[in-house]
C-alpha atoms as a PDB file:
ATOM      1  CA  MET A   1      73.003 108.230 112.613  1.00  0.00           C
ATOM      2  CA  GLU A   2      76.197 108.275 110.621  1.00  0.00           C
ATOM      3  CA  TRP A   3      79.554 109.501 112.072  1.00  0.00           C
ATOM      4  CA  VAL A   4      82.460 110.908 110.053  1.00  0.00           C
ATOM      5  CA  ILE A   5      85.950 111.220 111.467  1.00  0.00           C
ATOM      6  CA  VAL A   6      88.327 113.619 109.852  1.00  0.00           C
ATOM      7  CA  LEU A   7      92.045 113.634 110.641  1.00  0.00           C
ATOM      8  CA  ASP A   8      94.502 116.270 109.552  1.00  0.00           C
ATOM      9  CA  ASP A   9      98.154 115.093 109.717  1.00  0.00           C
ATOM     10  CA  ALA A  10      99.679 118.457 108.989  1.00  0.00           C
ATOM     11  CA  GLY A  11     102.651 119.176 111.392  1.00  0.00           C
ATOM     12  CA  MET A  12     102.608 115.424 112.775  1.00  0.00           C
ATOM     13  CA  LYS A  13     105.595 113.314 112.882  1.00  0.00           C
ATOM     14  CA  MET A  14     105.865 109.625 111.828  1.00  0.00           C
ATOM     15  CA  ARG A  15     105.702 107.371 114.797  1.00  0.00           C
ATOM     16  CA  ALA A  16     108.602 104.993 114.983  1.00  0.00           C
ATOM     17  CA  PRO A  17     108.187 101.378 116.140  1.00  0.00           C
ATOM     18  CA  LYS A  18     108.777 100.651 119.765  1.00  0.00           C
ATOM     19  CA  ASP A  19     111.193  97.974 119.049  1.00  0.00           C
ATOM     20  CA  PRO A  20     112.290  98.037 115.395  1.00  0.00           C
ATOM     21  CA  ASP A  21     114.542  95.104 115.724  1.00  0.00           C
ATOM     22  CA  LYS A  22     111.755  92.816 116.895  1.00  0.00           C
ATOM     23  CA  ALA A  23     111.056  89.968 114.417  1.00  0.00           C
ATOM     24  CA  ALA A  24     107.344  90.748 114.153  1.00  0.00           C
ATOM     25  CA  ASN A  25     108.097  94.357 113.123  1.00  0.00           C
ATOM     26  CA  LYS A  26     110.513  93.123 110.431  1.00  0.00           C
ATOM     27  CA  GLU A  27     108.088  90.670 109.179  1.00  0.00           C
ATOM     28  CA  PHE A  28     105.227  93.219 109.003  1.00  0.00           C
ATOM     29  CA  ALA A  29     107.332  95.741 107.159  1.00  0.00           C
ATOM     30  CA  ASN A  30     108.546  93.069 104.636  1.00  0.00           C
ATOM     31  CA  GLY A  31     104.870  92.070 104.091  1.00  0.00           C
ATOM     32  CA  LEU A  32     103.842  95.546 103.250  1.00  0.00           C
ATOM     33  CA  LYS A  33     106.803  95.920 100.760  1.00  0.00           C
ATOM     34  CA  LYS A  34     105.668  92.627  99.018  1.00  0.00           C
ATOM     35  CA  ASN A  35     102.033  93.778  98.824  1.00  0.00           C
ATOM     36  CA  PRO A  36     101.180  95.129  95.383  1.00  0.00           C
ATOM     37  CA  VAL A  37      99.013  97.919  96.776  1.00  0.00           C
ATOM     38  CA  THR A  38     101.104  98.992  99.671  1.00  0.00           C
ATOM     39  CA  GLY A  39     104.498  98.333  98.627  1.00  0.00           C
ATOM     40  CA  GLN A  40     106.754  97.230  95.723  1.00  0.00           C
ATOM     41  CA  GLY A  41     104.886  94.038  94.691  1.00  0.00           C
ATOM     42  CA  PHE A  42     104.115  95.202  91.188  1.00  0.00           C
ATOM     43  CA  PRO A  43     106.791  94.774  88.560  1.00  0.00           C
ATOM     44  CA  ARG A  44     108.525  98.111  87.651  1.00  0.00           C
ATOM     45  CA  SER A  45     108.158  99.060  84.223  1.00  0.00           C
ATOM     46  CA  GLU A  46     110.881 100.979  82.291  1.00  0.00           C
ATOM     47  CA  PRO A  47     109.923 104.392  81.050  1.00  0.00           C
ATOM     48  CA  THR A  48     109.518 104.538  77.309  1.00  0.00           C
ATOM     49  CA  SER A  49     111.034 107.407  75.269  1.00  0.00           C
END
Protein backbone atom coordinates (compact mmCIF):
# COMPACT_ATOMS: atom_id res chain seq x y z
CA MET A 1 0.00 0.00 0.00
CA GLU A 2 1.32 3.42 -0.94
CA TRP A 3 0.02 6.73 0.40
CA VAL A 4 0.33 10.09 -1.30
CA ILE A 5 -0.32 13.33 0.54
CA VAL A 6 -1.01 16.39 -1.59
CA LEU A 7 -0.97 19.85 -0.03
CA ASP A 8 -2.19 23.03 -1.67
CA ASP A 9 -0.91 26.19 -0.01
CA ALA A 10 -3.03 28.58 -2.09
CA GLY A 11 -4.55 31.19 0.20
CA MET A 12 -2.41 30.19 3.19
CA LYS A 13 -0.30 32.64 5.19
CA MET A 14 3.30 32.12 6.27
CA ARG A 15 3.47 31.08 9.91
CA ALA A 16 5.66 33.29 12.07
CA PRO A 17 7.90 31.81 14.77
CA LYS A 18 6.40 31.89 18.26
CA ASP A 19 9.45 33.69 19.69
CA PRO A 20 11.55 35.15 16.83
CA ASP A 21 14.13 36.59 19.24
CA LYS A 22 14.97 33.19 20.72
CA ALA A 23 18.58 32.19 20.06
CA ALA A 24 17.58 28.83 18.55
CA ASN A 25 15.33 30.54 15.98
CA LYS A 26 18.10 32.93 14.96
CA GLU A 27 20.64 30.11 14.68
CA PHE A 28 18.25 28.01 12.57
CA ALA A 29 17.51 30.93 10.21
CA ASN A 30 21.21 31.71 9.82
CA GLY A 31 21.92 28.04 9.11
CA LEU A 32 19.34 28.06 6.32
CA LYS A 33 20.91 31.17 4.81
CA LYS A 34 24.38 29.56 4.83
CA ASN A 35 23.14 26.32 3.23
CA PRO A 36 23.85 26.33 -0.51
CA VAL A 37 20.58 24.59 -1.38
CA THR A 38 18.14 26.57 0.78
CA GLY A 39 19.83 29.92 1.13
CA GLN A 40 22.66 32.08 -0.03
CA GLY A 41 25.57 29.65 0.31
CA PHE A 42 26.50 29.60 -3.37
CA PRO A 43 28.70 32.44 -4.59
CA ARG A 44 26.75 34.95 -6.61
CA SER A 45 27.82 35.31 -10.19
CA GLU A 46 27.76 38.61 -11.98
CA PRO A 47 25.53 38.76 -15.05
CA THR A 48 27.43 38.81 -18.31
CA SER A 49 26.43 41.12 -21.11
